[in-house]
N, C-alpha and C. Protein backbone atom coordinates (compact mmCIF):
# COMPACT_ATOMS: atom_id res chain seq x y z
N UNK A 1 6.32 25.75 -0.44
CA UNK A 1 5.98 24.93 0.71
C UNK A 1 6.95 23.76 0.81
N UNK A 2 7.50 23.53 2.01
CA UNK A 2 8.43 22.43 2.21
C UNK A 2 7.71 21.24 2.83
N UNK A 3 8.22 20.05 2.53
CA UNK A 3 7.67 18.85 3.15
C UNK A 3 7.93 18.86 4.65
N UNK A 4 7.00 18.29 5.40
CA UNK A 4 7.25 18.07 6.81
C UNK A 4 8.49 17.20 6.95
N UNK A 5 9.45 17.58 7.81
CA UNK A 5 10.71 16.83 7.89
C UNK A 5 10.54 15.38 8.29
N UNK A 6 9.47 15.04 9.00
CA UNK A 6 9.27 13.65 9.41
C UNK A 6 8.72 12.79 8.29
N UNK A 7 8.22 13.42 7.22
CA UNK A 7 7.55 12.66 6.17
C UNK A 7 8.57 12.12 5.19
N UNK A 8 9.24 11.04 5.60
CA UNK A 8 10.31 10.47 4.79
C UNK A 8 9.85 9.35 3.89
N UNK A 9 8.58 8.92 4.02
CA UNK A 9 8.10 7.85 3.15
C UNK A 9 8.01 8.35 1.73
N UNK A 10 8.24 7.48 0.78
CA UNK A 10 8.23 7.84 -0.63
C UNK A 10 6.84 7.64 -1.22
N UNK A 11 6.47 8.51 -2.14
CA UNK A 11 5.17 8.39 -2.78
C UNK A 11 5.23 7.35 -3.88
N UNK A 12 4.12 6.68 -4.16
CA UNK A 12 4.09 5.70 -5.23
C UNK A 12 4.34 6.34 -6.60
N UNK A 13 4.99 5.59 -7.48
CA UNK A 13 5.24 6.06 -8.83
C UNK A 13 4.00 5.85 -9.70
N UNK A 14 3.84 6.71 -10.71
CA UNK A 14 2.81 6.46 -11.70
C UNK A 14 1.74 7.53 -11.78
N UNK A 15 1.72 8.46 -10.80
CA UNK A 15 0.68 9.48 -10.81
C UNK A 15 1.25 10.88 -11.00
N UNK A 16 2.54 11.01 -11.17
CA UNK A 16 3.12 12.32 -11.37
C UNK A 16 3.13 13.18 -10.13
N UNK A 17 3.16 12.54 -8.93
CA UNK A 17 3.17 13.33 -7.70
C UNK A 17 4.39 14.24 -7.64
N UNK A 18 5.50 13.80 -8.27
CA UNK A 18 6.71 14.61 -8.23
C UNK A 18 6.56 15.89 -9.03
N UNK A 19 5.50 15.98 -9.84
CA UNK A 19 5.24 17.18 -10.63
C UNK A 19 3.98 17.89 -10.17
N UNK A 20 3.48 17.48 -9.02
CA UNK A 20 2.20 18.01 -8.56
C UNK A 20 2.28 19.50 -8.29
N UNK A 21 3.39 19.96 -7.80
CA UNK A 21 3.56 21.38 -7.51
C UNK A 21 5.02 21.72 -7.61
N UNK A 22 5.34 22.73 -8.41
CA UNK A 22 6.74 23.10 -8.56
C UNK A 22 7.32 23.64 -7.27
N UNK A 23 6.44 24.06 -6.35
CA UNK A 23 6.90 24.61 -5.07
C UNK A 23 6.97 23.55 -3.99
N UNK A 24 6.58 22.32 -4.32
CA UNK A 24 6.53 21.27 -3.31
C UNK A 24 7.42 20.11 -3.70
N UNK A 25 8.71 20.11 -3.30
CA UNK A 25 9.58 18.99 -3.64
C UNK A 25 9.12 17.73 -2.93
N UNK A 26 9.10 16.62 -3.63
CA UNK A 26 8.66 15.37 -3.06
C UNK A 26 9.81 14.39 -3.00
N UNK A 27 9.78 13.43 -2.05
CA UNK A 27 10.84 12.44 -1.95
C UNK A 27 10.83 11.50 -3.14
N UNK A 28 11.91 10.75 -3.35
CA UNK A 28 11.99 9.85 -4.50
C UNK A 28 10.83 8.87 -4.50
N UNK A 29 10.25 8.58 -5.68
CA UNK A 29 9.12 7.66 -5.74
C UNK A 29 9.54 6.23 -5.58
N UNK A 30 8.55 5.38 -5.33
CA UNK A 30 8.79 3.95 -5.17
C UNK A 30 8.58 3.28 -6.52
N UNK A 31 9.54 2.49 -6.98
CA UNK A 31 9.41 1.78 -8.24
C UNK A 31 8.54 0.55 -8.06
N UNK A 32 7.67 0.30 -9.05
CA UNK A 32 6.86 -0.91 -9.05
C UNK A 32 6.05 -1.07 -7.79
N UNK A 33 5.39 0.00 -7.35
CA UNK A 33 4.74 0.02 -6.05
C UNK A 33 3.76 -1.13 -5.88
N UNK A 34 2.89 -1.35 -6.85
CA UNK A 34 1.84 -2.36 -6.66
C UNK A 34 2.43 -3.75 -6.52
N UNK A 35 3.37 -4.11 -7.41
CA UNK A 35 3.95 -5.45 -7.33
C UNK A 35 4.75 -5.64 -6.06
N UNK A 36 5.49 -4.62 -5.65
CA UNK A 36 6.29 -4.75 -4.43
C UNK A 36 5.40 -4.85 -3.20
N UNK A 37 4.30 -4.10 -3.21
CA UNK A 37 3.40 -4.12 -2.06
C UNK A 37 2.85 -5.52 -1.82
N UNK A 38 2.48 -6.20 -2.88
CA UNK A 38 1.89 -7.52 -2.73
C UNK A 38 2.92 -8.63 -2.60
N UNK A 39 4.21 -8.30 -2.69
CA UNK A 39 5.25 -9.30 -2.48
C UNK A 39 5.75 -9.31 -1.04
N UNK A 40 5.22 -8.41 -0.21
CA UNK A 40 5.62 -8.39 1.19
C UNK A 40 5.24 -9.71 1.85
N UNK A 41 5.91 -10.01 2.96
CA UNK A 41 5.57 -11.23 3.69
C UNK A 41 4.12 -11.16 4.14
N UNK A 42 3.50 -12.31 4.26
CA UNK A 42 2.09 -12.34 4.65
C UNK A 42 1.88 -11.73 6.03
N UNK A 43 2.85 -11.95 6.94
CA UNK A 43 2.71 -11.39 8.29
C UNK A 43 2.74 -9.87 8.25
N UNK A 44 3.70 -9.32 7.50
CA UNK A 44 3.80 -7.86 7.43
C UNK A 44 2.61 -7.28 6.68
N UNK A 45 2.17 -7.94 5.64
CA UNK A 45 1.00 -7.47 4.91
C UNK A 45 -0.22 -7.45 5.82
N UNK A 46 -0.34 -8.44 6.69
CA UNK A 46 -1.47 -8.50 7.62
C UNK A 46 -1.41 -7.34 8.61
N UNK A 47 -0.21 -7.01 9.07
CA UNK A 47 -0.03 -5.89 9.99
C UNK A 47 -0.48 -4.59 9.33
N UNK A 48 -0.02 -4.37 8.11
CA UNK A 48 -0.37 -3.14 7.39
C UNK A 48 -1.86 -3.08 7.11
N UNK A 49 -2.43 -4.21 6.72
CA UNK A 49 -3.87 -4.25 6.43
C UNK A 49 -4.68 -3.91 7.67
N UNK A 50 -4.29 -4.46 8.82
CA UNK A 50 -5.03 -4.19 10.06
C UNK A 50 -4.89 -2.73 10.47
N UNK A 51 -3.68 -2.18 10.35
CA UNK A 51 -3.45 -0.78 10.70
C UNK A 51 -4.23 0.13 9.78
N UNK A 52 -4.20 -0.17 8.50
CA UNK A 52 -4.94 0.61 7.51
C UNK A 52 -6.43 0.56 7.80
N UNK A 53 -6.95 -0.60 8.14
CA UNK A 53 -8.37 -0.75 8.44
C UNK A 53 -8.77 0.10 9.64
N UNK A 54 -7.94 0.09 10.67
CA UNK A 54 -8.27 0.86 11.88
C UNK A 54 -8.20 2.36 11.62
N UNK A 55 -7.29 2.80 10.78
CA UNK A 55 -7.24 4.21 10.42
C UNK A 55 -8.49 4.59 9.63
N UNK A 56 -8.88 3.73 8.70
CA UNK A 56 -10.11 3.97 7.94
C UNK A 56 -11.31 4.07 8.86
N UNK A 57 -11.41 3.15 9.80
CA UNK A 57 -12.54 3.15 10.73
C UNK A 57 -12.57 4.43 11.55
N UNK A 58 -11.39 4.85 12.02
CA UNK A 58 -11.33 6.07 12.82
C UNK A 58 -11.75 7.29 12.00
N UNK A 59 -11.32 7.34 10.74
CA UNK A 59 -11.64 8.50 9.90
C UNK A 59 -13.11 8.53 9.50
N UNK A 60 -13.80 7.41 9.64
CA UNK A 60 -15.22 7.33 9.29
C UNK A 60 -16.13 7.35 10.51
N UNK A 61 -15.56 7.61 11.67
CA UNK A 61 -16.35 7.69 12.89
C UNK A 61 -17.45 8.74 12.70
N UNK A 62 -18.73 8.35 12.83
CA UNK A 62 -19.82 9.28 12.54
C UNK A 62 -19.77 10.58 13.33
N UNK A 63 -19.30 10.53 14.58
CA UNK A 63 -19.30 11.73 15.41
C UNK A 63 -18.36 12.81 14.89
N UNK A 64 -17.35 12.44 14.11
CA UNK A 64 -16.50 13.46 13.49
C UNK A 64 -17.33 14.35 12.57
N UNK A 65 -18.33 13.77 11.96
CA UNK A 65 -19.16 14.49 11.00
C UNK A 65 -20.36 15.16 11.68
N UNK A 66 -20.93 14.49 12.67
CA UNK A 66 -22.12 15.03 13.32
C UNK A 66 -21.79 16.01 14.44
N UNK A 67 -20.63 15.83 15.09
CA UNK A 67 -20.29 16.65 16.25
C UNK A 67 -19.18 17.67 15.99
N UNK A 68 -18.25 17.33 15.12
CA UNK A 68 -17.08 18.20 14.94
C UNK A 68 -17.07 18.93 13.60
N UNK A 69 -18.11 18.78 12.82
CA UNK A 69 -18.27 19.62 11.65
C UNK A 69 -17.62 19.17 10.37
N UNK A 70 -17.03 17.97 10.34
CA UNK A 70 -16.44 17.49 9.08
C UNK A 70 -17.58 17.23 8.09
N UNK A 71 -17.51 17.80 6.88
CA UNK A 71 -18.58 17.57 5.90
C UNK A 71 -18.64 16.10 5.48
N UNK A 72 -19.82 15.53 5.46
CA UNK A 72 -19.98 14.14 5.04
C UNK A 72 -20.09 14.10 3.52
N UNK A 73 -18.98 14.40 2.87
CA UNK A 73 -18.87 14.43 1.42
C UNK A 73 -17.62 13.65 1.02
N UNK A 74 -17.45 13.44 -0.27
CA UNK A 74 -16.23 12.78 -0.74
C UNK A 74 -15.01 13.56 -0.31
N UNK A 75 -15.07 14.89 -0.45
CA UNK A 75 -13.93 15.72 -0.07
C UNK A 75 -13.69 15.67 1.43
N UNK A 76 -14.78 15.74 2.21
CA UNK A 76 -14.63 15.71 3.66
C UNK A 76 -14.04 14.40 4.14
N UNK A 77 -14.45 13.30 3.54
CA UNK A 77 -13.92 12.00 3.93
C UNK A 77 -12.45 11.86 3.54
N UNK A 78 -12.07 12.41 2.39
CA UNK A 78 -10.66 12.40 2.01
C UNK A 78 -9.83 13.19 3.01
N UNK A 79 -10.30 14.38 3.37
CA UNK A 79 -9.56 15.21 4.32
C UNK A 79 -9.44 14.51 5.67
N UNK A 80 -10.50 13.84 6.09
CA UNK A 80 -10.48 13.16 7.38
C UNK A 80 -9.53 11.96 7.35
N UNK A 81 -9.53 11.21 6.26
CA UNK A 81 -8.59 10.10 6.12
C UNK A 81 -7.16 10.62 6.11
N UNK A 82 -6.91 11.66 5.33
CA UNK A 82 -5.57 12.25 5.26
C UNK A 82 -5.08 12.66 6.64
N UNK A 83 -5.94 13.31 7.41
CA UNK A 83 -5.58 13.77 8.74
C UNK A 83 -5.16 12.61 9.63
N UNK A 84 -5.91 11.54 9.63
CA UNK A 84 -5.59 10.40 10.49
C UNK A 84 -4.32 9.69 10.04
N UNK A 85 -4.12 9.57 8.74
CA UNK A 85 -2.89 8.96 8.23
C UNK A 85 -1.68 9.79 8.64
N UNK A 86 -1.78 11.10 8.50
CA UNK A 86 -0.68 11.99 8.88
C UNK A 86 -0.31 11.81 10.35
N UNK A 87 -1.31 11.73 11.21
CA UNK A 87 -1.03 11.58 12.64
C UNK A 87 -0.30 10.27 12.94
N UNK A 88 -0.71 9.19 12.28
CA UNK A 88 -0.05 7.90 12.50
C UNK A 88 1.37 7.91 11.94
N UNK A 89 1.56 8.49 10.76
CA UNK A 89 2.90 8.55 10.17
C UNK A 89 3.86 9.36 11.03
N UNK A 90 3.36 10.45 11.61
CA UNK A 90 4.21 11.25 12.50
C UNK A 90 4.72 10.40 13.66
N UNK A 91 3.82 9.63 14.25
CA UNK A 91 4.23 8.81 15.39
C UNK A 91 5.20 7.71 14.95
N UNK A 92 4.93 7.07 13.84
CA UNK A 92 5.78 5.97 13.40
C UNK A 92 7.18 6.44 13.05
N UNK A 93 7.31 7.68 12.62
CA UNK A 93 8.63 8.23 12.34
C UNK A 93 9.50 8.31 13.59
N UNK A 94 8.86 8.36 14.75
CA UNK A 94 9.59 8.46 16.01
C UNK A 94 10.00 7.10 16.57
N UNK A 95 9.53 6.04 15.94
CA UNK A 95 9.74 4.69 16.47
C UNK A 95 10.83 3.96 15.69
N UNK A 96 11.47 2.96 16.31
CA UNK A 96 12.53 2.21 15.64
C UNK A 96 11.98 1.27 14.57
N UNK A 97 12.87 0.77 13.74
CA UNK A 97 12.48 -0.21 12.72
C UNK A 97 11.84 -1.44 13.37
N UNK A 98 10.87 -2.04 12.70
CA UNK A 98 10.51 -1.82 11.29
C UNK A 98 9.43 -0.77 11.08
N UNK A 99 9.33 0.23 11.96
CA UNK A 99 8.26 1.22 11.84
C UNK A 99 8.32 1.95 10.50
N UNK A 100 9.53 2.31 10.04
CA UNK A 100 9.64 3.04 8.78
C UNK A 100 9.17 2.20 7.60
N UNK A 101 9.49 0.91 7.63
CA UNK A 101 9.05 0.03 6.54
C UNK A 101 7.53 -0.15 6.55
N UNK A 102 6.97 -0.26 7.74
CA UNK A 102 5.52 -0.39 7.85
C UNK A 102 4.85 0.91 7.40
N UNK A 103 5.45 2.05 7.75
CA UNK A 103 4.91 3.33 7.32
C UNK A 103 4.89 3.44 5.80
N UNK A 104 5.96 2.96 5.16
CA UNK A 104 6.01 3.00 3.70
C UNK A 104 4.91 2.12 3.10
N UNK A 105 4.75 0.93 3.64
CA UNK A 105 3.68 0.05 3.15
C UNK A 105 2.30 0.67 3.39
N UNK A 106 2.16 1.36 4.51
CA UNK A 106 0.89 1.99 4.83
C UNK A 106 0.54 3.07 3.82
N UNK A 107 1.50 3.93 3.50
CA UNK A 107 1.21 5.00 2.54
C UNK A 107 0.92 4.42 1.17
N UNK A 108 1.61 3.35 0.80
CA UNK A 108 1.30 2.67 -0.46
C UNK A 108 -0.15 2.17 -0.46
N UNK A 109 -0.56 1.57 0.66
CA UNK A 109 -1.92 1.04 0.76
C UNK A 109 -2.96 2.16 0.68
N UNK A 110 -2.65 3.29 1.29
CA UNK A 110 -3.58 4.42 1.27
C UNK A 110 -3.78 4.91 -0.16
N UNK A 111 -2.69 5.04 -0.92
CA UNK A 111 -2.83 5.53 -2.29
C UNK A 111 -3.48 4.49 -3.20
N UNK A 112 -3.28 3.22 -2.92
CA UNK A 112 -4.01 2.18 -3.66
C UNK A 112 -5.51 2.30 -3.38
N UNK A 113 -5.85 2.58 -2.13
CA UNK A 113 -7.25 2.76 -1.76
C UNK A 113 -7.85 3.95 -2.50
N UNK A 114 -7.11 5.06 -2.56
CA UNK A 114 -7.61 6.24 -3.25
C UNK A 114 -7.82 5.97 -4.73
N UNK A 115 -6.87 5.27 -5.33
CA UNK A 115 -6.99 4.89 -6.74
C UNK A 115 -8.26 4.07 -6.96
N UNK A 116 -8.45 3.07 -6.11
CA UNK A 116 -9.63 2.21 -6.24
C UNK A 116 -10.92 2.99 -6.04
N UNK A 117 -10.91 3.92 -5.09
CA UNK A 117 -12.11 4.71 -4.81
C UNK A 117 -12.48 5.59 -5.99
N UNK A 118 -11.48 6.17 -6.64
CA UNK A 118 -11.75 6.99 -7.82
C UNK A 118 -12.40 6.16 -8.92
N UNK A 119 -11.90 4.97 -9.11
CA UNK A 119 -12.46 4.10 -10.15
C UNK A 119 -13.89 3.69 -9.81
N UNK A 120 -14.15 3.45 -8.52
CA UNK A 120 -15.51 3.10 -8.11
C UNK A 120 -16.47 4.27 -8.31
N UNK A 121 -15.93 5.50 -8.24
CA UNK A 121 -16.75 6.69 -8.47
C UNK A 121 -16.95 6.97 -9.95
N UNK A 122 -16.35 6.14 -10.80
CA UNK A 122 -16.56 6.28 -12.23
C UNK A 122 -15.50 7.04 -12.99
N UNK A 123 -14.40 7.38 -12.32
CA UNK A 123 -13.31 8.07 -13.01
C UNK A 123 -12.61 7.06 -13.92
N UNK A 124 -12.41 7.41 -15.17
CA UNK A 124 -11.82 6.50 -16.14
C UNK A 124 -10.31 6.39 -16.03
N UNK A 125 -9.75 5.45 -16.79
CA UNK A 125 -8.31 5.19 -16.73
C UNK A 125 -7.48 6.43 -17.04
N UNK A 126 -7.94 7.26 -17.96
CA UNK A 126 -7.17 8.45 -18.32
C UNK A 126 -7.31 9.56 -17.28
N UNK A 127 -8.43 9.54 -16.56
CA UNK A 127 -8.65 10.58 -15.57
C UNK A 127 -8.03 10.29 -14.22
N UNK A 128 -7.83 9.01 -13.90
CA UNK A 128 -7.32 8.64 -12.58
C UNK A 128 -5.95 9.26 -12.28
N UNK A 129 -4.95 9.17 -13.18
CA UNK A 129 -3.64 9.75 -12.86
C UNK A 129 -3.71 11.24 -12.54
N UNK A 130 -4.53 11.97 -13.29
CA UNK A 130 -4.66 13.41 -13.04
C UNK A 130 -5.27 13.67 -11.67
N UNK A 131 -6.31 12.90 -11.33
CA UNK A 131 -6.95 13.09 -10.03
C UNK A 131 -6.02 12.66 -8.90
N UNK A 132 -5.28 11.59 -9.11
CA UNK A 132 -4.35 11.12 -8.09
C UNK A 132 -3.22 12.11 -7.87
N UNK A 133 -2.80 12.76 -8.94
CA UNK A 133 -1.78 13.80 -8.82
C UNK A 133 -2.26 14.91 -7.89
N UNK A 134 -3.50 15.32 -8.06
CA UNK A 134 -4.06 16.36 -7.20
C UNK A 134 -4.21 15.88 -5.76
N UNK A 135 -4.64 14.64 -5.59
CA UNK A 135 -4.78 14.11 -4.23
C UNK A 135 -3.43 13.98 -3.55
N UNK A 136 -2.40 13.56 -4.30
CA UNK A 136 -1.06 13.47 -3.73
C UNK A 136 -0.54 14.82 -3.29
N UNK A 137 -0.76 15.84 -4.13
CA UNK A 137 -0.34 17.19 -3.77
C UNK A 137 -1.08 17.68 -2.54
N UNK A 138 -2.39 17.36 -2.47
CA UNK A 138 -3.18 17.77 -1.30
C UNK A 138 -2.67 17.08 -0.04
N UNK A 139 -2.37 15.79 -0.14
CA UNK A 139 -1.89 15.04 1.02
C UNK A 139 -0.61 15.66 1.57
N UNK A 140 0.36 15.90 0.72
CA UNK A 140 1.63 16.45 1.19
C UNK A 140 1.50 17.91 1.60
N UNK A 141 0.58 18.62 0.96
CA UNK A 141 0.33 19.98 1.38
C UNK A 141 -0.26 20.04 2.78
N UNK A 142 -1.19 19.13 3.07
CA UNK A 142 -1.77 19.08 4.41
C UNK A 142 -0.72 18.71 5.45
N UNK A 143 0.12 17.74 5.12
CA UNK A 143 1.17 17.32 6.05
C UNK A 143 2.06 18.50 6.41
N UNK A 144 2.46 19.26 5.40
CA UNK A 144 3.32 20.43 5.65
C UNK A 144 2.56 21.51 6.41
N UNK A 145 1.28 21.68 6.07
CA UNK A 145 0.50 22.73 6.70
C UNK A 145 0.20 22.48 8.16
N UNK A 146 0.03 21.22 8.56
CA UNK A 146 -0.28 20.90 9.95
C UNK A 146 0.97 20.75 10.81
N UNK A 147 2.10 20.51 10.18
CA UNK A 147 3.30 20.10 10.92
C UNK A 147 3.73 21.11 11.97
N UNK A 148 3.85 22.37 11.58
CA UNK A 148 4.32 23.38 12.52
C UNK A 148 3.39 23.54 13.71
N UNK A 149 2.09 23.55 13.43
CA UNK A 149 1.12 23.71 14.52
C UNK A 149 1.14 22.51 15.45
N UNK A 150 1.33 21.32 14.91
CA UNK A 150 1.40 20.12 15.75
C UNK A 150 2.66 20.14 16.61
N UNK A 151 3.79 20.49 16.02
CA UNK A 151 5.04 20.54 16.78
C UNK A 151 4.96 21.55 17.92
N UNK A 152 4.35 22.69 17.64
CA UNK A 152 4.27 23.76 18.64
C UNK A 152 3.05 23.63 19.54
N UNK A 153 2.20 22.64 19.25
CA UNK A 153 0.91 22.51 19.94
C UNK A 153 0.16 23.84 19.89
N UNK A 154 0.17 24.42 18.70
CA UNK A 154 -0.47 25.70 18.45
C UNK A 154 -1.94 25.46 18.11
N UNK A 155 -2.77 25.48 19.13
CA UNK A 155 -4.18 25.15 18.92
C UNK A 155 -4.87 26.16 18.01
N UNK A 156 -4.52 27.44 18.14
CA UNK A 156 -5.14 28.45 17.29
C UNK A 156 -4.76 28.24 15.82
N UNK A 157 -3.47 28.00 15.58
CA UNK A 157 -3.04 27.75 14.21
C UNK A 157 -3.63 26.49 13.63
N UNK A 158 -3.75 25.47 14.48
CA UNK A 158 -4.29 24.20 14.02
C UNK A 158 -5.77 24.31 13.69
N UNK A 159 -6.53 24.99 14.55
CA UNK A 159 -7.96 25.07 14.28
C UNK A 159 -8.24 25.90 13.03
N UNK A 160 -7.40 26.91 12.75
CA UNK A 160 -7.57 27.68 11.52
C UNK A 160 -7.29 26.82 10.29
N UNK A 161 -6.23 26.02 10.36
CA UNK A 161 -5.88 25.14 9.24
C UNK A 161 -6.94 24.07 9.02
N UNK A 162 -7.43 23.49 10.10
CA UNK A 162 -8.45 22.45 9.99
C UNK A 162 -9.78 23.01 9.50
N UNK A 163 -10.12 24.21 9.98
CA UNK A 163 -11.35 24.83 9.51
C UNK A 163 -11.29 25.07 8.00
N UNK A 164 -10.15 25.54 7.54
CA UNK A 164 -9.99 25.84 6.12
C UNK A 164 -9.93 24.57 5.27
N UNK A 165 -9.10 23.62 5.67
CA UNK A 165 -8.86 22.44 4.83
C UNK A 165 -9.93 21.37 4.94
N UNK A 166 -10.36 21.10 6.16
CA UNK A 166 -11.28 19.98 6.40
C UNK A 166 -12.74 20.42 6.36
N UNK A 167 -13.04 21.48 7.09
CA UNK A 167 -14.44 21.91 7.22
C UNK A 167 -14.86 22.82 6.08
N UNK A 168 -13.89 23.52 5.48
CA UNK A 168 -14.18 24.34 4.31
C UNK A 168 -14.70 25.72 4.63
N UNK A 169 -14.13 26.34 5.67
CA UNK A 169 -14.53 27.69 6.04
C UNK A 169 -13.31 28.46 6.50
N UNK A 170 -13.37 29.77 6.36
CA UNK A 170 -12.29 30.63 6.84
C UNK A 170 -12.53 31.09 8.28
N UNK A 171 -13.54 30.54 8.94
CA UNK A 171 -13.84 30.88 10.33
C UNK A 171 -13.09 29.91 11.25
N UNK A 172 -12.00 30.34 11.89
CA UNK A 172 -11.18 29.42 12.67
C UNK A 172 -11.93 28.65 13.74
N UNK A 173 -12.89 29.30 14.40
CA UNK A 173 -13.58 28.64 15.51
C UNK A 173 -14.34 27.40 15.06
N UNK A 174 -14.64 27.31 13.77
CA UNK A 174 -15.33 26.11 13.27
C UNK A 174 -14.46 24.87 13.40
N UNK A 175 -13.14 25.07 13.49
CA UNK A 175 -12.22 23.95 13.63
C UNK A 175 -11.75 23.69 15.04
N UNK A 176 -12.35 24.37 16.02
CA UNK A 176 -11.86 24.26 17.40
C UNK A 176 -12.02 22.85 17.95
N UNK A 177 -13.18 22.25 17.79
CA UNK A 177 -13.39 20.90 18.30
C UNK A 177 -12.49 19.89 17.62
N UNK A 178 -12.33 20.03 16.32
CA UNK A 178 -11.47 19.10 15.57
C UNK A 178 -10.02 19.28 15.99
N UNK A 179 -9.61 20.51 16.27
CA UNK A 179 -8.24 20.75 16.73
C UNK A 179 -7.99 20.06 18.07
N UNK A 180 -8.97 20.13 18.97
CA UNK A 180 -8.82 19.45 20.25
C UNK A 180 -8.75 17.94 20.05
N UNK A 181 -9.54 17.43 19.13
CA UNK A 181 -9.50 16.00 18.81
C UNK A 181 -8.12 15.60 18.30
N UNK A 182 -7.55 16.41 17.42
CA UNK A 182 -6.24 16.11 16.85
C UNK A 182 -5.16 16.14 17.93
N UNK A 183 -5.17 17.15 18.78
CA UNK A 183 -4.16 17.23 19.83
C UNK A 183 -4.32 16.10 20.84
N UNK A 184 -5.56 15.71 21.13
CA UNK A 184 -5.77 14.55 22.00
C UNK A 184 -5.26 13.28 21.34
N UNK A 185 -5.43 13.19 20.02
CA UNK A 185 -4.91 12.03 19.29
C UNK A 185 -3.40 11.97 19.37
N UNK A 186 -2.74 13.11 19.23
CA UNK A 186 -1.28 13.16 19.33
C UNK A 186 -0.84 12.67 20.71
N UNK A 187 -1.53 13.12 21.75
CA UNK A 187 -1.18 12.68 23.11
C UNK A 187 -1.31 11.17 23.25
N UNK A 188 -2.38 10.61 22.72
CA UNK A 188 -2.58 9.16 22.80
C UNK A 188 -1.52 8.41 21.99
N UNK A 189 -1.25 8.88 20.78
CA UNK A 189 -0.27 8.21 19.93
C UNK A 189 1.13 8.28 20.53
N UNK A 190 1.44 9.37 21.21
CA UNK A 190 2.76 9.50 21.84
C UNK A 190 2.99 8.43 22.89
N UNK A 191 1.92 7.87 23.42
CA UNK A 191 2.04 6.82 24.43
C UNK A 191 2.01 5.41 23.85
N UNK A 192 1.96 5.30 22.52
CA UNK A 192 1.90 4.00 21.86
C UNK A 192 3.27 3.63 21.30
N UNK A 193 3.78 2.46 21.69
CA UNK A 193 4.99 1.96 21.03
C UNK A 193 4.57 1.14 19.81
N UNK A 194 5.55 0.64 19.07
CA UNK A 194 5.23 -0.07 17.84
C UNK A 194 4.43 -1.34 18.11
N UNK A 195 4.77 -2.06 19.17
CA UNK A 195 4.03 -3.27 19.50
C UNK A 195 2.55 -2.97 19.74
N UNK A 196 2.29 -1.86 20.43
CA UNK A 196 0.91 -1.50 20.71
C UNK A 196 0.19 -1.09 19.42
N UNK A 197 0.86 -0.32 18.58
CA UNK A 197 0.24 0.09 17.32
C UNK A 197 -0.12 -1.12 16.47
N UNK A 198 0.76 -2.11 16.47
CA UNK A 198 0.53 -3.31 15.67
C UNK A 198 -0.58 -4.17 16.28
N UNK A 199 -0.54 -4.31 17.60
CA UNK A 199 -1.48 -5.22 18.27
C UNK A 199 -2.87 -4.62 18.46
N UNK A 200 -2.92 -3.32 18.76
CA UNK A 200 -4.18 -2.71 19.15
C UNK A 200 -4.61 -1.55 18.25
N UNK A 201 -3.75 -1.11 17.36
CA UNK A 201 -4.09 0.02 16.51
C UNK A 201 -3.76 1.35 17.16
N UNK A 202 -3.97 2.45 16.44
CA UNK A 202 -3.59 3.77 16.96
C UNK A 202 -4.37 4.18 18.20
N UNK A 203 -5.68 3.91 18.23
CA UNK A 203 -6.47 4.28 19.39
C UNK A 203 -6.74 5.77 19.45
N UNK A 204 -7.68 6.24 18.65
CA UNK A 204 -8.03 7.66 18.64
C UNK A 204 -9.10 7.95 19.69
N UNK A 205 -9.17 9.19 20.18
CA UNK A 205 -10.17 9.54 21.19
C UNK A 205 -11.57 9.57 20.59
N UNK A 206 -12.57 9.56 21.44
CA UNK A 206 -13.95 9.65 20.97
C UNK A 206 -14.32 11.10 20.68
N UNK A 207 -14.76 11.40 19.46
CA UNK A 207 -15.20 12.76 19.16
C UNK A 207 -16.42 13.18 19.97
N UNK A 208 -17.13 12.23 20.54
CA UNK A 208 -18.31 12.56 21.34
C UNK A 208 -17.95 13.35 22.58
N UNK A 209 -16.68 13.28 22.99
CA UNK A 209 -16.24 14.01 24.18
C UNK A 209 -15.88 15.45 23.88
N UNK A 210 -15.98 15.84 22.61
CA UNK A 210 -15.63 17.19 22.20
C UNK A 210 -16.78 17.79 21.43
N UNK A 211 -16.85 19.12 21.43
CA UNK A 211 -17.83 19.76 20.57
C UNK A 211 -17.13 20.77 19.68
N UNK A 212 -17.89 21.44 18.84
CA UNK A 212 -17.28 22.31 17.85
C UNK A 212 -16.60 23.53 18.46
N UNK A 213 -16.94 23.88 19.68
CA UNK A 213 -16.26 25.00 20.33
C UNK A 213 -14.99 24.56 21.01
N UNK A 214 -14.75 23.23 21.02
CA UNK A 214 -13.51 22.73 21.61
C UNK A 214 -13.61 22.39 23.07
N UNK A 215 -14.80 22.52 23.66
CA UNK A 215 -14.95 22.21 25.08
C UNK A 215 -15.16 20.72 25.29
N UNK A 216 -14.62 20.19 26.39
CA UNK A 216 -14.85 18.79 26.74
C UNK A 216 -16.12 18.70 27.58
């Protein structure tokens, strides 16, 4: 499996993401991720924090779980967060600087959040790196898996991938509503420049306007 070509941000060092899968080459890691992240300017840190918060809020929208079939489990919430982060990173890759720098800070913040969440769930210091390695591999695997369908606007391919990865079924139609949500999100994000993303956030559509069969 190859990385999505737009995914140029580097993964944080310390979890062995570069060894997560021999078939999945990863970009060079970031040295001293935690210390560098907190040394950013306060203004830029505030931008990243606000963007990260809005992505988290979007991924936790109750209607994604009640209307579009995302399981309300630890795994389902991880998949939903991953999906929203991937969509924002794709858009930021298309924008001029400092979008790439903000994207790097964003991915660092996401992995810090995952690390913290594992510890809150009771995973010990020795277990966290192993779990983070798996989460990192899953994140990049999802990015690669969704990329072709998103580029081609292949709704059938996308709903099959989302049904399998997010909803946990091999029945493609189970992912139809979520696929429509994702494609609608891409359309909205394509209309957002960097100033808008920073000032107002990504702006995802309401899942209440979609159902599991994909009808509006």
